[in-house]
């Protein structure tokens, strides 16, 4: 089921990118131009048709002001308080 895990991770990433961008009122064009790709390519990433290349992660983190956890994991998991884990 390795392929299924990769697909689920891709879905979380693209959903998180879209959510982060929309909650901050940022346009896709701004994000795309800031990381050096076309707006069409970035749109495909947000829609789950392409995978975000890792070389863009530092700039994405800077734009949204988030951690890698907030990009890669479900919103509830990223906000989990590690002190509450038994």
PDB file of N, CA and C in Angstrom:
ATOM      1  N   UNK A   1       0.810  -1.209   0.000  1.00  0.00           N
ATOM      2  CA  UNK A   1       0.000   0.000   0.000  1.00  0.00           C
ATOM      3  C   UNK A   1       0.849   1.268   0.000  1.00  0.00           C
ATOM      4  N   UNK A   2       2.107   1.141  -0.350  1.00  0.00           N
ATOM      5  CA  UNK A   2       2.994   2.299  -0.353  1.00  0.00           C
ATOM      6  C   UNK A   2       2.451   3.422  -1.236  1.00  0.00           C
ATOM      7  N   UNK A   3       1.931   3.083  -2.403  1.00  0.00           N
ATOM      8  CA  UNK A   3       1.378   4.093  -3.301  1.00  0.00           C
ATOM      9  C   UNK A   3       0.231   4.858  -2.668  1.00  0.00           C
ATOM     10  N   UNK A   4      -0.579   4.166  -1.866  1.00  0.00           N
ATOM     11  CA  UNK A   4      -1.685   4.810  -1.181  1.00  0.00           C
ATOM     12  C   UNK A   4      -1.220   5.833  -0.171  1.00  0.00           C
ATOM     13  N   UNK A   5      -0.144   5.534   0.525  1.00  0.00           N
ATOM     14  CA  UNK A   5       0.416   6.464   1.509  1.00  0.00           C
ATOM     15  C   UNK A   5       0.926   7.713   0.813  1.00  0.00           C
ATOM     16  N   UNK A   6       1.619   7.548  -0.295  1.00  0.00           N
ATOM     17  CA  UNK A   6       2.128   8.696  -1.049  1.00  0.00           C
ATOM     18  C   UNK A   6       0.971   9.555  -1.528  1.00  0.00           C
ATOM     19  N   UNK A   7      -0.083   8.934  -2.035  1.00  0.00           N
ATOM     20  CA  UNK A   7      -1.242   9.680  -2.509  1.00  0.00           C
ATOM     21  C   UNK A   7      -1.878  10.464  -1.369  1.00  0.00           C
ATOM     22  N   UNK A   8      -2.024   9.857  -0.192  1.00  0.00           N
ATOM     23  CA  UNK A   8      -2.606  10.553   0.951  1.00  0.00           C
ATOM     24  C   UNK A   8      -1.751  11.741   1.359  1.00  0.00           C
ATOM     25  N   UNK A   9      -0.424  11.576   1.361  1.00  0.00           N
ATOM     26  CA  UNK A   9       0.468  12.678   1.714  1.00  0.00           C
ATOM     27  C   UNK A   9       0.337  13.813   0.713  1.00  0.00           C
ATOM     28  N   UNK A  10       0.234  13.477  -0.574  1.00  0.00           N
ATOM     29  CA  UNK A  10       0.084  14.499  -1.603  1.00  0.00           C
ATOM     30  C   UNK A  10      -1.202  15.284  -1.371  1.00  0.00           C
ATOM     31  N   UNK A  11      -2.278  14.577  -1.016  1.00  0.00           N
ATOM     32  CA  UNK A  11      -3.548  15.243  -0.773  1.00  0.00           C
ATOM     33  C   UNK A  11      -3.464  16.189   0.408  1.00  0.00           C
ATOM     34  N   UNK A  12      -2.792  15.784   1.478  1.00  0.00           N
ATOM     35  CA  UNK A  12      -2.645  16.648   2.645  1.00  0.00           C
ATOM     36  C   UNK A  12      -1.848  17.889   2.273  1.00  0.00           C
ATOM     37  N   UNK A  13      -0.743  17.718   1.552  1.00  0.00           N
ATOM     38  CA  UNK A  13       0.101  18.856   1.182  1.00  0.00           C
ATOM     39  C   UNK A  13      -0.671  19.843   0.324  1.00  0.00           C
ATOM     40  N   UNK A  14      -1.313  19.374  -0.724  1.00  0.00           N
ATOM     41  CA  UNK A  14      -1.989  20.339  -1.598  1.00  0.00           C
ATOM     42  C   UNK A  14      -3.170  20.996  -0.893  1.00  0.00           C
ATOM     43  N   UNK A  15      -3.877  20.259  -0.052  1.00  0.00           N
ATOM     44  CA  UNK A  15      -4.968  20.874   0.714  1.00  0.00           C
ATOM     45  C   UNK A  15      -4.433  21.909   1.700  1.00  0.00           C
ATOM     46  N   UNK A  16      -3.314  21.606   2.342  1.00  0.00           N
ATOM     47  CA  UNK A  16      -2.719  22.550   3.288  1.00  0.00           C
ATOM     48  C   UNK A  16      -2.228  23.806   2.585  1.00  0.00           C
ATOM     49  N   UNK A  17      -1.599  23.653   1.428  1.00  0.00           N
ATOM     50  CA  UNK A  17      -1.134  24.824   0.681  1.00  0.00           C
ATOM     51  C   UNK A  17      -2.304  25.730   0.315  1.00  0.00           C
ATOM     52  N   UNK A  18      -3.372  25.123  -0.154  1.00  0.00           N
ATOM     53  CA  UNK A  18      -4.553  25.905  -0.536  1.00  0.00           C
ATOM     54  C   UNK A  18      -5.154  26.601   0.684  1.00  0.00           C
ATOM     55  N   UNK A  19      -5.286  25.872   1.796  1.00  0.00           N
ATOM     56  CA  UNK A  19      -5.856  26.438   3.021  1.00  0.00           C
ATOM     57  C   UNK A  19      -4.994  27.584   3.551  1.00  0.00           C
ATOM     58  N   UNK A  20      -3.682  27.367   3.602  1.00  0.00           N
ATOM     59  CA  UNK A  20      -2.769  28.402   4.098  1.00  0.00           C
ATOM     60  C   UNK A  20      -2.851  29.659   3.240  1.00  0.00           C
ATOM     61  N   UNK A  21      -2.875  29.475   1.949  1.00  0.00           N
ATOM     62  CA  UNK A  21      -2.925  30.623   1.036  1.00  0.00           C
ATOM     63  C   UNK A  21      -4.232  31.388   1.194  1.00  0.00           C
ATOM     64  N   UNK A  22      -5.335  30.660   1.229  1.00  0.00           N
ATOM     65  CA  UNK A  22      -6.641  31.321   1.313  1.00  0.00           C
ATOM     66  C   UNK A  22      -6.844  32.021   2.654  1.00  0.00           C
ATOM     67  N   UNK A  23      -6.409  31.402   3.747  1.00  0.00           N
ATOM     68  CA  UNK A  23      -6.601  32.033   5.058  1.00  0.00           C
ATOM     69  C   UNK A  23      -5.760  33.293   5.208  1.00  0.00           C
ATOM     70  N   UNK A  24      -4.730  33.411   4.415  1.00  0.00           N
ATOM     71  CA  UNK A  24      -3.880  34.604   4.464  1.00  0.00           C
ATOM     72  C   UNK A  24      -4.239  35.616   3.381  1.00  0.00           C
ATOM     73  N   UNK A  25      -5.211  35.286   2.546  1.00  0.00           N
ATOM     74  CA  UNK A  25      -5.644  36.201   1.494  1.00  0.00           C
ATOM     75  C   UNK A  25      -4.597  36.425   0.418  1.00  0.00           C
ATOM     76  N   UNK A  26      -3.809  35.399   0.138  1.00  0.00           N
ATOM     77  CA  UNK A  26      -2.734  35.499  -0.857  1.00  0.00           C
ATOM     78  C   UNK A  26      -3.193  34.850  -2.159  1.00  0.00           C
ATOM     79  N   UNK A  27      -2.866  35.464  -3.275  1.00  0.00           N
ATOM     80  CA  UNK A  27      -3.230  34.916  -4.580  1.00  0.00           C
ATOM     81  C   UNK A  27      -2.220  33.872  -5.035  1.00  0.00           C
ATOM     82  N   UNK A  28      -2.700  32.907  -5.814  1.00  0.00           N
ATOM     83  CA  UNK A  28      -1.824  31.873  -6.367  1.00  0.00           C
ATOM     84  C   UNK A  28      -0.689  32.498  -7.173  1.00  0.00           C
ATOM     85  N   UNK A  29      -0.995  33.534  -7.914  1.00  0.00           N
ATOM     86  CA  UNK A  29       0.018  34.186  -8.756  1.00  0.00           C
ATOM     87  C   UNK A  29       1.176  34.707  -7.908  1.00  0.00           C
ATOM     88  N   UNK A  30       0.875  35.290  -6.747  1.00  0.00           N
ATOM     89  CA  UNK A  30       1.921  35.804  -5.868  1.00  0.00           C
ATOM     90  C   UNK A  30       2.825  34.677  -5.381  1.00  0.00           C
ATOM     91  N   UNK A  31       2.217  33.577  -4.921  1.00  0.00           N
ATOM     92  CA  UNK A  31       3.003  32.442  -4.432  1.00  0.00           C
ATOM     93  C   UNK A  31       3.880  31.905  -5.556  1.00  0.00           C
ATOM     94  N   UNK A  32       3.279  31.701  -6.717  1.00  0.00           N
ATOM     95  CA  UNK A  32       4.014  31.148  -7.861  1.00  0.00           C
ATOM     96  C   UNK A  32       5.210  32.019  -8.232  1.00  0.00           C
ATOM     97  N   UNK A  33       4.982  33.305  -8.368  1.00  0.00           N
ATOM     98  CA  UNK A  33       6.065  34.215  -8.747  1.00  0.00           C
ATOM     99  C   UNK A  33       7.130  34.299  -7.655  1.00  0.00           C
ATOM    100  N   UNK A  34       6.721  34.214  -6.404  1.00  0.00           N
ATOM    101  CA  UNK A  34       7.666  34.287  -5.287  1.00  0.00           C
ATOM    102  C   UNK A  34       8.608  33.094  -5.233  1.00  0.00           C
ATOM    103  N   UNK A  35       8.120  31.924  -5.669  1.00  0.00           N
ATOM    104  CA  UNK A  35       8.985  30.741  -5.638  1.00  0.00           C
ATOM    105  C   UNK A  35       9.596  30.434  -7.001  1.00  0.00           C
ATOM    106  N   UNK A  36       9.222  31.211  -8.018  1.00  0.00           N
ATOM    107  CA  UNK A  36       9.860  31.079  -9.324  1.00  0.00           C
ATOM    108  C   UNK A  36       9.257  30.043 -10.258  1.00  0.00           C
ATOM    109  N   UNK A  37       7.939  29.837 -10.152  1.00  0.00           N
ATOM    110  CA  UNK A  37       7.263  28.932 -11.083  1.00  0.00           C
ATOM    111  C   UNK A  37       6.073  29.661 -11.694  1.00  0.00           C
ATOM    112  N   UNK A  38       5.487  29.073 -12.723  1.00  0.00           N
ATOM    113  CA  UNK A  38       4.338  29.705 -13.364  1.00  0.00           C
ATOM    114  C   UNK A  38       3.096  29.549 -12.488  1.00  0.00           C
ATOM    115  N   UNK A  39       2.176  30.502 -12.586  1.00  0.00           N
ATOM    116  CA  UNK A  39       0.926  30.370 -11.836  1.00  0.00           C
ATOM    117  C   UNK A  39       0.171  29.087 -12.191  1.00  0.00           C
ATOM    118  N   UNK A  40       0.233  28.671 -13.442  1.00  0.00           N
ATOM    119  CA  UNK A  40      -0.432  27.442 -13.865  1.00  0.00           C
ATOM    120  C   UNK A  40       0.162  26.226 -13.153  1.00  0.00           C
ATOM    121  N   UNK A  41       1.481  26.185 -13.045  1.00  0.00           N
ATOM    122  CA  UNK A  41       2.145  25.064 -12.370  1.00  0.00           C
ATOM    123  C   UNK A  41       1.762  25.034 -10.890  1.00  0.00           C
ATOM    124  N   UNK A  42       1.744  26.205 -10.248  1.00  0.00           N
ATOM    125  CA  UNK A  42       1.359  26.255  -8.837  1.00  0.00           C
ATOM    126  C   UNK A  42      -0.095  25.827  -8.652  1.00  0.00           C
ATOM    127  N   UNK A  43      -0.956  26.246  -9.552  1.00  0.00           N
ATOM    128  CA  UNK A  43      -2.361  25.837  -9.507  1.00  0.00           C
ATOM    129  C   UNK A  43      -2.473  24.314  -9.577  1.00  0.00           C
ATOM    130  N   UNK A  44      -1.665  23.692 -10.420  1.00  0.00           N
ATOM    131  CA  UNK A  44      -1.671  22.233 -10.541  1.00  0.00           C
ATOM    132  C   UNK A  44      -1.200  21.573  -9.243  1.00  0.00           C
ATOM    133  N   UNK A  45      -0.265  22.199  -8.548  1.00  0.00           N
ATOM    134  CA  UNK A  45       0.189  21.678  -7.251  1.00  0.00           C
ATOM    135  C   UNK A  45      -0.958  21.740  -6.246  1.00  0.00           C
ATOM    136  N   UNK A  46      -1.614  22.889  -6.152  1.00  0.00           N
ATOM    137  CA  UNK A  46      -2.723  23.040  -5.204  1.00  0.00           C
ATOM    138  C   UNK A  46      -3.888  22.108  -5.519  1.00  0.00           C
ATOM    139  N   UNK A  47      -4.078  21.805  -6.782  1.00  0.00           N
ATOM    140  CA  UNK A  47      -5.181  20.927  -7.180  1.00  0.00           C
ATOM    141  C   UNK A  47      -4.807  19.454  -7.135  1.00  0.00           C
ATOM    142  N   UNK A  48      -3.571  19.153  -6.745  1.00  0.00           N
ATOM    143  CA  UNK A  48      -3.150  17.767  -6.582  1.00  0.00           C
ATOM    144  C   UNK A  48      -2.709  17.075  -7.853  1.00  0.00           C
ATOM    145  N   UNK A  49      -2.513  17.839  -8.924  1.00  0.00           N
ATOM    146  CA  UNK A  49      -2.082  17.246 -10.190  1.00  0.00           C
ATOM    147  C   UNK A  49      -0.565  17.160 -10.308  1.00  0.00           C
ATOM    148  N   UNK A  50       0.129  17.921  -9.486  1.00  0.00           N
ATOM    149  CA  UNK A  50       1.595  17.888  -9.436  1.00  0.00           C
ATOM    150  C   UNK A  50       2.027  17.888  -7.982  1.00  0.00           C
ATOM    151  N   UNK A  51       3.223  17.371  -7.738  1.00  0.00           N
ATOM    152  CA  UNK A  51       3.785  17.336  -6.389  1.00  0.00           C
ATOM    153  C   UNK A  51       4.722  18.530  -6.220  1.00  0.00           C
ATOM    154  N   UNK A  52       4.652  19.165  -5.062  1.00  0.00           N
ATOM    155  CA  UNK A  52       5.516  20.305  -4.770  1.00  0.00           C
ATOM    156  C   UNK A  52       6.964  19.845  -4.669  1.00  0.00           C
ATOM    157  N   UNK A  53       7.850  20.335  -5.550  1.00  0.00           N
ATOM    158  CA  UNK A  53       9.269  19.980  -5.430  1.00  0.00           C
ATOM    159  C   UNK A  53       9.847  20.520  -4.119  1.00  0.00           C
ATOM    160  N   UNK A  54      10.656  19.713  -3.460  1.00  0.00           N
ATOM    161  CA  UNK A  54      11.187  20.084  -2.144  1.00  0.00           C
ATOM    162  C   UNK A  54      12.056  21.338  -2.174  1.00  0.00           C
ATOM    163  N   UNK A  55      12.633  21.657  -3.319  1.00  0.00           N
ATOM    164  CA  UNK A  55      13.495  22.844  -3.377  1.00  0.00           C
ATOM    165  C   UNK A  55      12.722  24.139  -3.111  1.00  0.00           C
ATOM    166  N   UNK A  56      11.389  24.089  -3.219  1.00  0.00           N
ATOM    167  CA  UNK A  56      10.577  25.281  -2.982  1.00  0.00           C
ATOM    168  C   UNK A  56      10.107  25.407  -1.531  1.00  0.00           C
ATOM    169  N   UNK A  57      10.365  24.408  -0.716  1.00  0.00           N
ATOM    170  CA  UNK A  57       9.871  24.417   0.667  1.00  0.00           C
ATOM    171  C   UNK A  57      10.355  25.604   1.505  1.00  0.00           C
ATOM    172  N   UNK A  58      11.647  25.959   1.458  1.00  0.00           N
ATOM    173  CA  UNK A  58      12.075  27.103   2.278  1.00  0.00           C
ATOM    174  C   UNK A  58      11.309  28.391   1.945  1.00  0.00           C
ATOM    175  N   UNK A  59      11.093  28.651   0.679  1.00  0.00           N
ATOM    176  CA  UNK A  59      10.378  29.870   0.278  1.00  0.00           C
ATOM    177  C   UNK A  59       8.893  29.782   0.641  1.00  0.00           C
ATOM    178  N   UNK A  60       8.298  28.592   0.475  1.00  0.00           N
ATOM    179  CA  UNK A  60       6.891  28.396   0.852  1.00  0.00           C
ATOM    180  C   UNK A  60       6.717  28.649   2.352  1.00  0.00           C
ATOM    181  N   UNK A  61       7.636  28.106   3.161  1.00  0.00           N
ATOM    182  CA  UNK A  61       7.578  28.324   4.615  1.00  0.00           C
ATOM    183  C   UNK A  61       7.667  29.816   4.933  1.00  0.00           C
ATOM    184  N   UNK A  62       8.533  30.515   4.228  1.00  0.00           N
ATOM    185  CA  UNK A  62       8.710  31.950   4.451  1.00  0.00           C
ATOM    186  C   UNK A  62       7.444  32.728   4.076  1.00  0.00           C
ATOM    187  N   UNK A  63       6.858  32.408   2.941  1.00  0.00           N
ATOM    188  CA  UNK A  63       5.657  33.111   2.478  1.00  0.00           C
ATOM    189  C   UNK A  63       4.511  32.951   3.473  1.00  0.00           C
ATOM    190  N   UNK A  64       4.283  31.716   3.922  1.00  0.00           N
ATOM    191  CA  UNK A  64       3.151  31.440   4.795  1.00  0.00           C
ATOM    192  C   UNK A  64       3.484  31.561   6.280  1.00  0.00           C
ATOM    193  N   UNK A  65       4.773  31.621   6.622  1.00  0.00           N
ATOM    194  CA  UNK A  65       5.173  31.719   8.019  1.00  0.00           C
ATOM    195  C   UNK A  65       4.783  30.490   8.821  1.00  0.00           C
ATOM    196  N   UNK A  66       5.081  29.311   8.260  1.00  0.00           N
ATOM    197  CA  UNK A  66       4.681  28.053   8.892  1.00  0.00           C
ATOM    198  C   UNK A  66       5.861  27.095   9.006  1.00  0.00           C
ATOM    199  N   UNK A  67       5.641  26.030   9.761  1.00  0.00           N
ATOM    200  CA  UNK A  67       6.630  24.961   9.876  1.00  0.00           C
ATOM    201  C   UNK A  67       6.379  23.923   8.787  1.00  0.00           C
ATOM    202  N   UNK A  68       7.329  23.021   8.620  1.00  0.00           N
ATOM    203  CA  UNK A  68       7.133  21.920   7.680  1.00  0.00           C
ATOM    204  C   UNK A  68       5.956  21.048   8.103  1.00  0.00           C
ATOM    205  N   UNK A  69       5.769  20.874   9.404  1.00  0.00           N
ATOM    206  CA  UNK A  69       4.637  20.086   9.897  1.00  0.00           C
ATOM    207  C   UNK A  69       3.315  20.647   9.389  1.00  0.00           C
ATOM    208  N   UNK A  70       3.205  21.964   9.372  1.00  0.00           N
ATOM    209  CA  UNK A  70       1.960  22.594   8.932  1.00  0.00           C
ATOM    210  C   UNK A  70       1.733  22.438   7.435  1.00  0.00           C
ATOM    211  N   UNK A  71       2.778  22.155   6.690  1.00  0.00           N
ATOM    212  CA  UNK A  71       2.643  21.908   5.255  1.00  0.00           C
ATOM    213  C   UNK A  71       2.335  20.443   4.993  1.00  0.00           C
ATOM    214  N   UNK A  72       3.031  19.552   5.691  1.00  0.00           N
ATOM    215  CA  UNK A  72       2.973  18.125   5.372  1.00  0.00           C
ATOM    216  C   UNK A  72       1.940  17.308   6.124  1.00  0.00           C
ATOM    217  N   UNK A  73       1.466  17.798   7.256  1.00  0.00           N
ATOM    218  CA  UNK A  73       0.574  16.976   8.057  1.00  0.00           C
ATOM    219  C   UNK A  73      -0.806  17.586   8.168  1.00  0.00           C
ATOM    220  N   UNK A  74      -1.748  16.732   8.529  1.00  0.00           N
ATOM    221  CA  UNK A  74      -3.112  17.156   8.778  1.00  0.00           C
ATOM    222  C   UNK A  74      -3.099  18.279   9.806  1.00  0.00           C
ATOM    223  N   UNK A  75      -3.974  19.233   9.652  1.00  0.00           N
ATOM    224  CA  UNK A  75      -4.039  20.403  10.527  1.00  0.00           C
ATOM    225  C   UNK A  75      -4.096  20.011  12.006  1.00  0.00           C
ATOM    226  N   UNK A  76      -4.881  19.008  12.350  1.00  0.00           N
ATOM    227  CA  UNK A  76      -5.011  18.585  13.745  1.00  0.00           C
ATOM    228  C   UNK A  76      -3.721  17.973  14.276  1.00  0.00           C
ATOM    229  N   UNK A  77      -3.005  17.235  13.440  1.00  0.00           N
ATOM    230  CA  UNK A  77      -1.746  16.615  13.857  1.00  0.00           C
ATOM    231  C   UNK A  77      -0.671  17.680  14.041  1.00  0.00           C
ATOM    232  N   UNK A  78      -0.600  18.636  13.129  1.00  0.00           N
ATOM    233  CA  UNK A  78       0.415  19.688  13.201  1.00  0.00           C
ATOM    234  C   UNK A  78       0.244  20.534  14.456  1.00  0.00           C
ATOM    235  N   UNK A  79      -0.989  20.677  14.932  1.00  0.00           N
ATOM    236  CA  UNK A  79      -1.263  21.493  16.112  1.00  0.00           C
ATOM    237  C   UNK A  79      -1.266  20.691  17.403  1.00  0.00           C
ATOM    238  N   UNK A  80      -0.929  19.422  17.331  1.00  0.00           N
ATOM    239  CA  UNK A  80      -0.948  18.535  18.496  1.00  0.00           C
ATOM    240  C   UNK A  80       0.110  18.967  19.507  1.00  0.00           C
ATOM    241  N   UNK A  81      -0.278  19.005  20.769  1.00  0.00           N
ATOM    242  CA  UNK A  81       0.644  19.331  21.855  1.00  0.00           C
ATOM    243  C   UNK A  81       1.356  18.052  22.274  1.00  0.00           C
ATOM    244  N   UNK A  82       2.667  17.989  22.072  1.00  0.00           N
ATOM    245  CA  UNK A  82       3.418  16.767  22.366  1.00  0.00           C
ATOM    246  C   UNK A  82       3.375  16.390  23.846  1.00  0.00           C
ATOM    247  N   UNK A  83       3.089  17.339  24.732  1.00  0.00           N
ATOM    248  CA  UNK A  83       3.001  17.029  26.158  1.00  0.00           C
ATOM    249  C   UNK A  83       1.765  16.198  26.498  1.00  0.00           C
ATOM    250  N   UNK A  84       0.778  16.202  25.620  1.00  0.00           N
ATOM    251  CA  UNK A  84      -0.453  15.469  25.875  1.00  0.00           C
ATOM    252  C   UNK A  84      -0.375  14.032  25.391  1.00  0.00           C
ATOM    253  N   UNK A  85       0.690  13.674  24.695  1.00  0.00           N
ATOM    254  CA  UNK A  85       0.842  12.323  24.178  1.00  0.00           C
ATOM    255  C   UNK A  85       1.358  11.426  25.293  1.00  0.00           C
ATOM    256  N   UNK A  86       0.642  10.332  25.547  1.00  0.00           N
ATOM    257  CA  UNK A  86       1.028   9.434  26.646  1.00  0.00           C
ATOM    258  C   UNK A  86       2.128   8.499  26.223  1.00  0.00           C
TER     259      UNK A  86
END
